[in-house]
Amino acid sequence: MTTSDTTPVDKFVAASRSSGEIWGLHCKDGWVICDSAIYEETDVMPFWSTREAAAVHCVDEWEDFAPVAIPLEEFIEDWLVDLAHDAVMLGPDWGDDLSGEEVEPNDLVSKFLVETV
């Protein structure tokens, strides 16, 4: 059974739907990608539902990165397809300590495509 509480991933989806964008961290060398804390030899690309949440992480080894908006439609139709093809997991709305869920791109597509009730 599920609880009445929404999951962090559900909150990420709802916030991103509301704003129409997703935020990633980018610099001249490319996008932030991390090693999975769960799966061996797997990359995770973190994304955030707000610029502010993404900007918190632009410190230390990521100080050269800046938050960049990705239109939601482009994220769903292009990014998630490419990330699934490359077997890269997603880290939606990871916290200050870079912890949170690691989600399959296709699972996130399903959540975005389900109509809200």
Protein backbone atom coordinates (compact mmCIF):
# COMPACT_ATOMS: atom_id res chain seq x y z
CA MET A 1 0.00 0.00 0.00
CA THR A 2 1.10 3.54 -0.55
CA THR A 3 0.90 6.31 1.97
CA SER A 4 -0.74 9.67 1.43
CA ASP A 5 2.72 11.27 1.46
CA THR A 6 4.21 12.00 -1.92
CA THR A 7 7.70 10.71 -2.63
CA PRO A 8 10.64 13.01 -3.40
CA VAL A 9 10.45 11.89 -7.03
CA ASP A 10 6.73 12.75 -7.16
CA LYS A 11 7.52 16.20 -5.73
CA PHE A 12 10.25 16.64 -8.35
CA VAL A 13 7.82 15.73 -11.13
CA ALA A 14 5.07 18.03 -9.80
CA ALA A 15 7.44 21.00 -9.34
CA SER A 16 8.98 20.50 -12.79
CA ARG A 17 5.56 20.25 -14.42
CA SER A 18 4.53 23.45 -12.69
CA SER A 19 7.59 25.43 -13.80
CA GLY A 20 7.98 23.75 -17.20
CA GLU A 21 11.71 23.19 -16.72
CA ILE A 22 14.39 21.00 -15.18
CA TRP A 23 17.74 22.27 -13.87
CA GLY A 24 21.13 20.65 -14.37
CA LEU A 25 24.67 21.80 -13.66
CA HIS A 26 26.86 22.66 -16.62
CA CYS A 27 30.32 24.12 -17.27
CA LYS A 28 32.59 24.44 -20.29
CA ASP A 29 33.54 20.77 -19.89
CA GLY A 30 29.97 19.47 -19.88
CA TRP A 31 27.25 18.39 -17.46
CA VAL A 32 27.68 17.06 -13.91
CA ILE A 33 27.69 13.27 -13.76
CA CYS A 34 28.38 11.24 -10.61
CA ASP A 35 29.13 7.64 -9.77
CA SER A 36 26.13 5.73 -8.48
CA ALA A 37 26.07 5.04 -4.76
CA ILE A 38 23.92 1.97 -5.41
CA TYR A 39 24.98 0.37 -8.69
CA GLU A 40 28.55 -0.52 -9.64
CA GLU A 41 29.94 1.02 -12.82
CA THR A 42 26.83 3.18 -13.27
CA ASP A 43 26.66 6.92 -13.78
CA VAL A 44 24.00 9.18 -12.30
CA MET A 45 23.09 12.60 -13.63
CA PRO A 46 21.52 14.80 -10.98
CA PHE A 47 18.71 17.20 -11.88
CA TRP A 48 16.72 19.65 -9.79
CA SER A 49 13.26 21.14 -10.06
CA THR A 50 14.43 24.66 -9.16
CA ARG A 51 17.41 26.84 -9.97
CA GLU A 52 17.98 27.51 -6.28
CA ALA A 53 18.19 23.80 -5.42
CA ALA A 54 20.70 23.25 -8.23
CA ALA A 55 22.80 26.31 -7.33
CA VAL A 56 23.44 24.99 -3.80
CA HIS A 57 25.76 22.40 -5.34
CA CYS A 58 28.00 24.84 -7.23
CA VAL A 59 30.76 24.62 -4.61
CA ASP A 60 34.00 22.71 -4.04
CA GLU A 61 34.63 20.34 -6.97
CA TRP A 62 31.59 21.78 -8.77
CA GLU A 63 32.42 25.46 -8.29
CA ASP A 64 32.96 25.90 -12.04
CA PHE A 65 29.43 24.69 -12.78
CA ALA A 66 26.29 26.83 -13.04
CA PRO A 67 22.59 25.91 -13.05
CA VAL A 68 21.16 25.66 -16.56
CA ALA A 69 17.45 25.28 -17.35
CA ILE A 70 16.25 22.55 -19.69
CA PRO A 71 12.69 22.93 -21.04
CA LEU A 72 10.53 20.10 -19.68
CA GLU A 73 9.35 18.94 -23.11
CA GLU A 74 12.96 18.71 -24.35
CA PHE A 75 13.96 16.89 -21.16
CA ILE A 76 11.24 14.27 -21.59
CA GLU A 77 11.49 13.81 -25.36
CA ASP A 78 15.26 14.05 -25.83
CA TRP A 79 17.25 13.87 -22.61
CA LEU A 80 15.46 10.94 -21.00
CA VAL A 81 15.62 8.93 -24.23
CA ASP A 82 19.36 9.56 -24.58
CA LEU A 83 20.07 8.87 -20.91
CA ALA A 84 18.13 5.59 -21.08
CA HIS A 85 20.09 4.60 -24.19
CA ASP A 86 23.35 5.37 -22.35
CA ALA A 87 22.18 3.51 -19.19
CA VAL A 88 22.60 6.63 -17.04
CA MET A 89 20.46 6.87 -13.92
CA LEU A 90 18.89 10.14 -12.73
CA GLY A 91 19.20 11.81 -9.34
CA PRO A 92 16.06 13.96 -9.00
CA ASP A 93 16.25 16.79 -6.46
CA TRP A 94 19.21 15.42 -4.55
CA GLY A 95 19.75 17.14 -1.22
CA ASP A 96 22.65 19.26 -0.01
CA ASP A 97 24.67 16.13 0.75
CA LEU A 98 24.06 14.75 -2.78
CA SER A 99 21.91 11.95 -1.51
CA GLY A 100 18.56 10.84 -2.79
CA GLU A 101 16.90 8.39 -5.08
CA GLU A 102 18.49 7.04 -8.24
CA VAL A 103 15.83 6.56 -10.89
CA GLU A 104 15.77 4.85 -14.30
CA PRO A 105 15.04 7.35 -17.10
CA ASN A 106 12.09 5.27 -18.33
CA ASP A 107 10.56 5.30 -14.84
CA LEU A 108 10.75 9.08 -14.82
CA VAL A 109 9.18 9.28 -18.29
CA SER A 110 6.28 7.22 -16.96
CA LYS A 111 5.81 9.58 -14.03
CA PHE A 112 5.84 12.66 -16.28
CA LEU A 113 3.38 11.14 -18.74
CA VAL A 114 0.83 10.10 -16.09
CA GLU A 115 -1.88 12.73 -15.75
CA THR A 116 -2.19 14.28 -12.32
CA VAL A 117 -5.37 13.47 -10.42
